[in-house]
Amino acid sequence: MMKISKYIYVATVISLFSQFAHATGGGGGGSDQKERLGQLLYFDTNLSINKNQSCASCHTPPGFVDPMNVANPANSVVSLGSDITLNGGRNTPSAAYAAFSPFFHWNAVEGLYIGGQFWDGRAASLTEQAKGPFLNPVEMAMPSKKSVLERIASKYNDNYRLYKRLFDRVYGVDIVNASDSNNQVYIDAVYEMVADAIAAFEKTGEFNKFSSKFDYFLAGQTNLNDQELRGMALFNGKAQCNACHTSDPLVAPDGSVIPPLFTDFSYDNIGIPKSTNPLIANNPLDYGLGGRPDIAAKDPTGAELGKHKVMSLRNIAITPPYGHNGFFATLGEVVHFYNTRDVETWPVPEVGQNVNTDELGNLGLTPEEEADVVAFLMTLTDGFGPPLNNFAFPPFP
C-alpha cells in the first residue's frame, strides 16, 4: 500500500503550515486571553445537557483521553455521554498533538486523504472539531447552539463574569446579548468563537509538551537503555512502524526543527476486527473514512472503505484502549496483532476491503522483539522532565 515518503510528507506539512499558519491564539496579549477563555470552556461541565460533562471529561490530562477507558481498557472501550445510558461508537482519540494535523485535504501526488480531526477526518480543522461534541446527542447532547451560549452566559455559571469579560476583550462580543439573540447568523458566529477559543487552548503547550524521554534523547539530555534502542531500531526497520507513524523530525517554515509527531496524518485499514464489546457490538460496520457520504460520493470503487486516521503515537502508553473501536486493551496486544495478523488466528477484519498487507500482518518479530518495540513506545510519554525549549514552537495549520 502506497504511503507518503518522508520527503513528500515534510514538504506537504511545510506547505500547509505556510498557507494556514497563524500565531497561536492570535498573537499579543489577546492570545493569552483567548487561550484562557478556551481553557474555561474546555473544562466547563455546564455546557452539557445534564451539567455533568465537559470536553475534558473525555480528553483528560495527561493523555487527553477518557480516564474511564484508561482505567478499564478491556471493558470500557468508548465514552459515555452526558446521558450515561448513551455512548459513542468509537474509542476517544487523544486531543494531545491534534493541533498539528493539517486541514483535511486530498493529496493528489500520493493519492491519499490527509489531515482533519476525528477517526474519519469529518472535521476539517480543530475549530470544526470543537463544535461537534456540544451538539452530539450521545456526547454533551445540548439541543442547539443557542442553548450552549445560554449556558455560558447564565448567571448560575461560576465563570459568568470571566466569560463576559473575556468574550468582550477577545472577540468584542457581549455574550449575554448573544445568548438572548434569535438571529441565527449571529448565534452561528458566536458559537464559532466558542470553538475557536477551545482550539486556541488546544494549541498551547498544555497539549503539546514534547517532554518525553524520547524528546530528551533527541536533545542529547538522556540516553535510551539497550531495550529501548533495540525497539527504536525495530520501529524504524523490521517492524515498519515508521511507514505510517513517521519518526523523522520536521522542519517548520522558519527553519526550526519540530520533533517527530509519529503520524503521517493519513488513513489506513489495518484490519482491526469488529468489536464484541457489549457497548458497541450491535453497531453496524464502521467504514471509517469511506463511510462518510461526501467521501463515498467521490469514491465509487470503495477505495477508502475501512480506513481510519493514523493517530500520533505520542503518549500511546497512557492512552489505552487502542484502535478506532478500542479492540486492543494493551500495547503488547496491538504490537502482536501488527506482527501476526496474517499468520495467527485472529477474527476477520471489520471491513475486508483495503486492508494494509504491505506494512503489517507478517512482520516476523520474535516475542522479545515485540517487547522491545513496546519498550520504545513507552519512551514517547510526556512528563519525563519539563517541556524542552530547544526548538521554536511552530505555527499550526
Protein backbone atom coordinates (compact mmCIF):
# COMPACT_ATOMS: atom_id res chain seq x y z
CA MET A 1 0.00 0.00 0.00
CA MET A 2 1.43 3.36 -1.04
CA LYS A 3 2.31 5.69 1.81
CA ILE A 4 3.73 9.20 1.86
CA SER A 5 7.51 9.26 1.68
CA LYS A 6 9.12 11.24 4.46
CA TYR A 7 10.31 13.86 1.99
CA ILE A 8 6.92 14.47 0.39
CA TYR A 9 5.35 14.35 3.86
CA VAL A 10 7.66 17.05 5.20
CA ALA A 11 7.09 19.19 2.12
CA THR A 12 3.32 18.77 2.47
CA VAL A 13 3.32 19.78 6.13
CA ILE A 14 5.56 22.78 5.47
CA SER A 15 3.32 23.89 2.61
CA LEU A 16 0.22 23.62 4.78
CA PHE A 17 1.91 25.41 7.67
CA SER A 18 2.90 28.22 5.31
CA GLN A 19 -0.59 28.52 3.87
CA PHE A 20 -2.58 28.39 7.06
CA ALA A 21 -0.12 29.41 9.78
CA HIS A 22 -1.02 31.98 12.37
CA ALA A 23 0.36 32.78 15.79
CA THR A 24 -1.14 30.62 18.50
CA GLY A 25 -4.39 32.20 19.66
CA GLY A 26 -4.00 35.30 17.52
CA GLY A 27 -0.87 36.93 18.94
CA GLY A 28 -0.13 39.61 21.50
CA GLY A 29 -1.95 39.97 24.81
CA GLY A 30 -5.15 38.79 23.16
CA SER A 31 -3.55 35.41 22.61
CA ASP A 32 -3.27 34.69 26.33
CA GLN A 33 -6.84 35.80 26.93
CA LYS A 34 -8.20 33.67 24.09
CA GLU A 35 -6.37 30.65 25.46
CA ARG A 36 -7.72 31.40 28.94
CA LEU A 37 -11.23 31.61 27.54
CA GLY A 38 -10.73 28.33 25.72
CA GLN A 39 -9.47 26.71 28.91
CA LEU A 40 -12.58 27.78 30.83
CA LEU A 41 -14.84 26.44 28.09
CA TYR A 42 -12.87 23.19 27.81
CA PHE A 43 -13.39 22.33 31.49
CA ASP A 44 -16.96 23.67 31.88
CA THR A 45 -19.42 20.87 32.70
CA ASN A 46 -22.34 23.32 32.46
CA LEU A 47 -22.13 23.04 28.68
CA SER A 48 -23.67 19.55 28.62
CA ILE A 49 -27.33 18.69 28.90
CA ASN A 50 -27.05 17.30 32.45
CA LYS A 51 -24.26 19.65 33.54
CA ASN A 52 -22.01 16.68 34.17
CA GLN A 53 -19.66 16.59 31.20
CA SER A 54 -17.08 18.87 29.64
CA CYS A 55 -14.60 18.50 26.80
CA ALA A 56 -12.12 17.43 29.45
CA SER A 57 -14.34 14.57 30.61
CA CYS A 58 -13.33 12.55 27.54
CA HIS A 59 -9.99 14.30 26.95
CA THR A 60 -8.41 14.45 30.39
CA PRO A 61 -4.73 15.26 31.02
CA PRO A 62 -2.11 13.88 30.90
CA GLY A 63 -3.07 11.62 27.99
CA PHE A 64 -6.09 13.74 26.97
CA VAL A 65 -8.30 10.69 26.65
CA ASP A 66 -11.20 9.28 28.70
CA PRO A 67 -9.88 8.25 32.15
CA MET A 68 -12.63 5.62 32.45
CA ASN A 69 -11.30 3.95 29.31
CA VAL A 70 -7.73 4.09 30.62
CA ALA A 71 -8.74 2.59 33.97
CA ASN A 72 -10.55 -0.36 32.39
CA PRO A 73 -9.42 -0.71 28.76
CA ALA A 74 -10.65 -4.26 28.36
CA ASN A 75 -14.26 -3.30 29.03
CA SER A 76 -14.63 0.48 28.82
CA VAL A 77 -13.82 1.00 25.14
CA VAL A 78 -15.97 4.03 24.30
CA SER A 79 -17.09 7.08 26.28
CA LEU A 80 -20.44 7.54 27.97
CA GLY A 81 -22.44 10.65 27.19
CA SER A 82 -23.91 13.30 29.44
CA ASP A 83 -26.87 10.93 29.40
CA ILE A 84 -24.93 7.97 30.76
CA THR A 85 -27.30 5.49 29.15
CA LEU A 86 -25.84 6.55 25.79
CA ASN A 87 -22.33 6.16 24.44
CA GLY A 88 -20.24 6.95 21.40
CA GLY A 89 -19.42 4.38 18.75
CA ARG A 90 -15.66 4.91 18.60
CA ASN A 91 -12.84 5.00 21.11
CA THR A 92 -11.99 8.54 22.18
CA PRO A 93 -8.77 9.66 20.46
CA SER A 94 -6.26 11.79 22.33
CA ALA A 95 -6.54 15.55 21.94
CA ALA A 96 -2.81 15.92 22.58
CA TYR A 97 -0.88 16.97 19.47
CA ALA A 98 -4.14 17.01 17.47
CA ALA A 99 -3.46 20.65 16.66
CA PHE A 100 -0.67 19.63 14.30
CA SER A 101 -2.99 17.76 11.96
CA PRO A 102 -3.25 19.61 8.63
CA PHE A 103 -6.61 20.72 7.32
CA PHE A 104 -8.39 17.74 5.77
CA HIS A 105 -7.47 17.54 2.08
CA TRP A 106 -6.74 15.25 -0.84
CA ASN A 107 -3.05 14.85 -1.66
CA ALA A 108 -3.12 14.35 -5.43
CA VAL A 109 0.56 13.43 -5.60
CA GLU A 110 0.22 10.49 -3.22
CA GLY A 111 -3.44 9.74 -3.94
CA LEU A 112 -4.35 9.91 -0.26
CA TYR A 113 -6.60 11.88 2.04
CA ILE A 114 -4.60 13.68 4.71
CA GLY A 115 -5.37 15.51 7.94
CA GLY A 116 -8.57 16.58 9.63
CA GLN A 117 -9.94 15.57 13.02
CA PHE A 118 -11.86 12.56 14.36
CA TRP A 119 -11.19 8.97 13.26
CA ASP A 120 -12.81 9.68 9.89
CA GLY A 121 -11.50 13.23 9.40
CA ARG A 122 -15.01 14.65 9.13
CA ALA A 123 -13.96 17.87 10.88
CA ALA A 124 -11.55 19.66 8.58
CA SER A 125 -9.89 21.62 11.38
CA LEU A 126 -9.51 21.79 15.15
CA THR A 127 -12.14 24.54 15.35
CA GLU A 128 -14.62 22.44 13.38
CA GLN A 129 -13.95 19.52 15.71
CA ALA A 130 -14.61 21.63 18.80
CA LYS A 131 -18.09 22.48 17.54
CA GLY A 132 -19.22 18.86 17.36
CA PRO A 133 -19.42 17.34 20.87
CA PHE A 134 -21.68 20.01 22.39
CA LEU A 135 -24.49 19.09 19.98
CA ASN A 136 -23.84 15.37 19.59
CA PRO A 137 -26.78 13.52 21.23
CA VAL A 138 -24.54 10.76 22.61
CA GLU A 139 -21.95 13.19 23.93
CA MET A 140 -22.80 16.53 25.56
CA ALA A 141 -26.27 16.47 23.96
CA MET A 142 -27.10 20.17 24.01
CA PRO A 143 -30.19 20.81 21.84
CA SER A 144 -28.86 23.84 19.93
CA LYS A 145 -26.04 26.32 19.54
CA LYS A 146 -28.19 28.92 21.30
CA SER A 147 -28.58 26.63 24.31
CA VAL A 148 -24.79 26.38 24.58
CA LEU A 149 -24.48 30.17 24.56
CA GLU A 150 -27.23 30.42 27.17
CA ARG A 151 -25.32 28.08 29.50
CA ILE A 152 -22.15 30.12 29.01
CA ALA A 153 -23.96 33.39 29.76
CA SER A 154 -26.02 32.09 32.67
CA LYS A 155 -25.55 33.90 35.97
CA TYR A 156 -25.62 30.47 37.57
CA ASN A 157 -22.39 29.59 35.77
CA ASP A 158 -19.45 30.08 38.13
CA ASN A 159 -17.44 31.53 35.23
CA TYR A 160 -20.14 34.01 34.23
CA ARG A 161 -18.16 37.18 34.97
CA LEU A 162 -14.98 35.84 33.40
CA TYR A 163 -16.86 34.75 30.29
CA LYS A 164 -18.49 38.15 29.94
CA ARG A 165 -15.14 39.94 30.24
CA LEU A 166 -13.15 37.58 28.02
CA PHE A 167 -15.68 37.38 25.18
CA ASP A 168 -15.69 41.18 25.12
CA ARG A 169 -11.90 41.51 25.18
CA VAL A 170 -11.10 38.69 22.74
CA TYR A 171 -13.99 38.96 20.27
CA GLY A 172 -15.72 42.26 21.07
CA VAL A 173 -18.94 40.34 21.81
CA ASP A 174 -21.42 40.69 24.65
CA ILE A 175 -22.05 37.02 25.41
CA VAL A 176 -25.26 37.82 27.31
CA ASN A 177 -26.74 39.66 24.35
CA ALA A 178 -25.62 36.86 22.06
CA SER A 179 -27.34 34.25 24.20
CA ASP A 180 -30.56 36.30 24.13
CA SER A 181 -30.47 36.76 20.37
CA ASN A 182 -32.79 34.96 17.97
CA ASN A 183 -30.65 35.92 14.98
CA GLN A 184 -29.30 32.58 13.79
CA VAL A 185 -26.48 34.17 11.80
CA TYR A 186 -25.30 35.95 14.95
CA ILE A 187 -25.69 32.80 17.04
CA ASP A 188 -23.68 30.80 14.50
CA ALA A 189 -20.92 33.41 14.53
CA VAL A 190 -20.59 33.45 18.32
CA TYR A 191 -20.74 29.65 18.50
CA GLU A 192 -17.81 29.66 16.06
CA MET A 193 -15.96 31.90 18.53
CA VAL A 194 -16.57 29.36 21.29
CA ALA A 195 -14.95 26.65 19.17
CA ASP A 196 -12.15 28.99 18.08
CA ALA A 197 -11.24 29.71 21.71
CA ILE A 198 -11.19 25.99 22.58
CA ALA A 199 -8.96 25.33 19.55
CA ALA A 200 -6.61 28.09 20.72
CA PHE A 201 -6.30 26.38 24.11
CA GLU A 202 -5.63 23.04 22.41
CA LYS A 203 -2.73 24.65 20.56
CA THR A 204 -0.92 25.55 23.78
CA GLY A 205 1.91 23.72 25.47
CA GLU A 206 -0.60 22.09 27.81
CA PHE A 207 -1.49 19.70 24.98
CA ASN A 208 1.81 19.72 23.09
CA LYS A 209 4.54 19.33 25.67
CA PHE A 210 7.31 17.48 23.79
CA SER A 211 8.64 16.40 27.18
CA SER A 212 9.04 12.63 26.75
CA LYS A 213 12.17 10.59 27.33
CA PHE A 214 12.48 10.34 23.55
CA ASP A 215 12.50 14.14 23.27
CA TYR A 216 15.22 14.34 25.91
CA PHE A 217 17.13 11.68 23.98
CA LEU A 218 16.85 13.70 20.78
CA ALA A 219 18.08 16.75 22.66
CA GLY A 220 21.10 14.83 23.93
CA GLN A 221 19.99 15.16 27.55
CA THR A 222 19.42 11.48 28.32
CA ASN A 223 20.16 8.03 26.92
CA LEU A 224 17.80 5.25 25.94
CA ASN A 225 18.54 1.88 27.51
CA ASP A 226 19.53 -1.12 25.41
CA GLN A 227 15.98 -2.45 25.06
CA GLU A 228 14.62 0.97 24.07
CA LEU A 229 17.38 1.37 21.48
CA ARG A 230 16.60 -2.04 20.04
CA GLY A 231 12.92 -1.09 19.94
CA MET A 232 13.70 2.15 18.15
CA ALA A 233 15.74 0.29 15.53
CA LEU A 234 12.88 -2.17 15.01
CA PHE A 235 10.33 0.66 14.88
CA ASN A 236 12.27 2.22 12.02
CA GLY A 237 13.21 -1.08 10.40
CA LYS A 238 11.86 -4.61 10.63
CA ALA A 239 8.59 -3.64 12.35
CA GLN A 240 7.91 -0.94 9.71
CA CYS A 241 6.05 1.23 12.22
CA ASN A 242 7.57 4.40 10.78
CA ALA A 243 5.93 3.75 7.40
CA CYS A 244 2.84 5.45 8.84
CA HIS A 245 3.99 6.74 12.24
CA THR A 246 6.74 8.93 10.85
CA SER A 247 9.66 9.24 13.26
CA ASP A 248 11.67 11.89 11.43
CA PRO A 249 11.89 15.42 12.82
CA LEU A 250 10.16 18.03 10.68
CA VAL A 251 11.24 21.50 9.64
CA ALA A 252 8.93 24.45 10.17
CA PRO A 253 8.73 27.32 7.64
CA ASP A 254 11.04 29.42 9.82
CA GLY A 255 13.70 26.69 9.74
CA SER A 256 13.13 25.50 13.30
CA VAL A 257 13.07 21.77 13.99
CA ILE A 258 9.82 20.15 15.11
CA PRO A 259 10.28 16.86 16.98
CA PRO A 260 8.64 13.82 15.36
CA LEU A 261 4.85 13.65 15.61
CA PHE A 262 4.74 9.88 14.91
CA THR A 263 1.99 10.12 12.31
CA ASP A 264 1.77 10.91 8.62
CA PHE A 265 -1.85 12.11 9.13
CA SER A 266 -3.11 9.63 6.53
CA TYR A 267 -5.88 6.99 6.72
CA ASP A 268 -5.43 3.23 6.75
CA ASN A 269 -7.33 -0.02 7.24
CA ILE A 270 -5.11 -2.18 9.42
CA GLY A 271 -7.67 -4.96 9.61
CA ILE A 272 -8.94 -4.49 13.16
CA PRO A 273 -11.76 -6.96 13.89
CA LYS A 274 -15.26 -5.79 14.75
CA SER A 275 -15.69 -5.18 18.45
CA THR A 276 -17.61 -7.70 20.54
CA ASN A 277 -17.84 -5.28 23.46
CA PRO A 278 -21.49 -5.03 24.60
CA LEU A 279 -21.42 -1.24 24.29
CA ILE A 280 -20.88 -1.32 20.52
CA ALA A 281 -21.18 -4.96 19.43
CA ASN A 282 -24.53 -4.33 17.74
CA ASN A 283 -23.36 -1.25 15.87
CA PRO A 284 -23.24 -1.51 12.07
CA LEU A 285 -19.90 -2.00 10.36
CA ASP A 286 -17.70 1.05 10.75
CA TYR A 287 -16.49 2.04 7.29
CA GLY A 288 -14.44 4.95 8.64
CA LEU A 289 -13.32 7.47 6.05
CA GLY A 290 -15.13 5.59 3.28
CA GLY A 291 -18.35 5.69 5.28
CA ARG A 292 -18.62 9.46 5.05
CA PRO A 293 -21.29 10.36 2.46
CA ASP A 294 -19.13 13.12 0.96
CA ILE A 295 -16.17 10.74 0.51
CA ALA A 296 -18.34 7.88 -0.73
CA ALA A 297 -19.76 10.16 -3.43
CA LYS A 298 -16.22 10.68 -4.76
CA ASP A 299 -15.17 7.07 -4.28
CA PRO A 300 -17.34 4.75 -6.39
CA THR A 301 -14.82 1.90 -6.15
CA GLY A 302 -14.77 1.94 -2.34
CA ALA A 303 -11.05 2.63 -2.09
CA GLU A 304 -11.49 4.45 1.24
CA LEU A 305 -13.73 1.89 2.98
CA GLY A 306 -12.46 0.73 6.36
CA LYS A 307 -9.79 3.38 6.67
CA HIS A 308 -9.32 5.30 9.90
CA LYS A 309 -6.92 8.07 10.75
CA VAL A 310 -3.33 7.25 11.63
CA MET A 311 -3.12 8.84 15.08
CA SER A 312 0.02 10.15 16.75
CA LEU A 313 1.83 7.65 18.95
CA ARG A 314 2.86 10.31 21.43
CA ASN A 315 1.61 9.32 24.91
CA ILE A 316 0.46 5.99 23.46
CA ALA A 317 1.43 4.08 26.62
CA ILE A 318 -1.06 6.05 28.73
CA THR A 319 -3.96 6.17 26.29
CA PRO A 320 -5.48 2.66 26.14
CA PRO A 321 -7.53 1.06 24.71
CA TYR A 322 -6.32 1.10 21.11
CA GLY A 323 -7.90 1.17 17.67
CA HIS A 324 -10.95 3.04 16.43
CA ASN A 325 -13.17 0.63 18.36
CA GLY A 326 -10.89 0.05 21.34
CA PHE A 327 -10.36 -3.58 20.33
CA PHE A 328 -6.94 -3.85 22.00
CA ALA A 329 -6.52 -3.28 25.72
CA THR A 330 -2.71 -3.19 25.84
CA LEU A 331 0.22 -2.07 23.75
CA GLY A 332 1.51 -5.62 23.75
CA GLU A 333 -1.71 -6.80 22.09
CA VAL A 334 -1.50 -4.13 19.39
CA VAL A 335 2.11 -4.91 18.54
CA HIS A 336 1.38 -8.64 18.47
CA PHE A 337 -1.57 -8.02 16.12
CA TYR A 338 0.56 -5.94 13.77
CA ASN A 339 3.16 -8.68 13.82
CA THR A 340 0.95 -11.77 13.42
CA ARG A 341 -2.40 -10.72 11.93
CA ASP A 342 -1.90 -12.81 8.79
CA VAL A 343 -0.14 -15.82 10.32
CA GLU A 344 -2.13 -16.47 13.51
CA THR A 345 -5.84 -16.99 14.09
CA TRP A 346 -7.39 -13.57 14.54
CA PRO A 347 -11.02 -12.61 13.92
CA VAL A 348 -11.64 -11.34 10.40
CA PRO A 349 -11.27 -7.58 9.77
CA GLU A 350 -14.36 -5.48 10.43
CA VAL A 351 -14.07 -4.20 6.86
CA GLY A 352 -12.36 -6.58 4.46
CA GLN A 353 -11.66 -4.08 1.69
CA ASN A 354 -8.40 -2.12 1.53
CA VAL A 355 -6.65 -3.95 4.37
CA ASN A 356 -2.98 -2.98 4.51
CA THR A 357 -1.00 -6.14 3.77
CA ASP A 358 2.23 -4.40 2.77
CA GLU A 359 3.35 -2.96 6.09
CA LEU A 360 1.89 -5.27 8.71
CA GLY A 361 0.42 -8.70 9.26
CA ASN A 362 3.50 -10.90 8.96
CA LEU A 363 6.46 -8.98 10.30
CA GLY A 364 8.39 -11.94 11.69
CA LEU A 365 9.12 -10.33 15.06
CA THR A 366 10.10 -12.60 17.92
CA PRO A 367 8.37 -12.18 21.31
CA GLU A 368 11.50 -10.42 22.55
CA GLU A 369 11.41 -8.03 19.60
CA GLU A 370 7.73 -7.27 20.23
CA ALA A 371 8.67 -6.40 23.82
CA ASP A 372 11.47 -4.17 22.54
CA VAL A 373 9.04 -2.22 20.34
CA VAL A 374 6.72 -1.74 23.32
CA ALA A 375 9.65 -0.51 25.41
CA PHE A 376 10.43 2.12 22.78
CA LEU A 377 6.80 3.23 22.57
CA MET A 378 6.86 3.81 26.30
CA THR A 379 9.57 6.44 25.82
CA LEU A 380 7.02 8.63 23.99
CA THR A 381 5.11 9.54 27.18
CA ASP A 382 5.31 13.21 28.15
CA GLY A 383 6.46 14.15 31.64
CA PHE A 384 9.99 12.72 31.66
CA GLY A 385 11.05 16.24 32.55
CA PRO A 386 9.95 19.83 31.97
CA PRO A 387 8.99 20.71 28.38
CA LEU A 388 12.08 21.34 26.31
CA ASN A 389 12.69 24.75 24.83
CA ASN A 390 15.46 23.83 22.42
CA PHE A 391 13.16 24.29 19.42
CA ALA A 392 10.88 27.07 18.31
CA PHE A 393 7.23 26.18 18.92
CA PRO A 394 5.86 26.02 15.38
CA PRO A 395 2.72 27.62 13.98
CA PHE A 396 -0.27 25.38 13.45
CA PRO A 397 -2.33 24.67 10.36
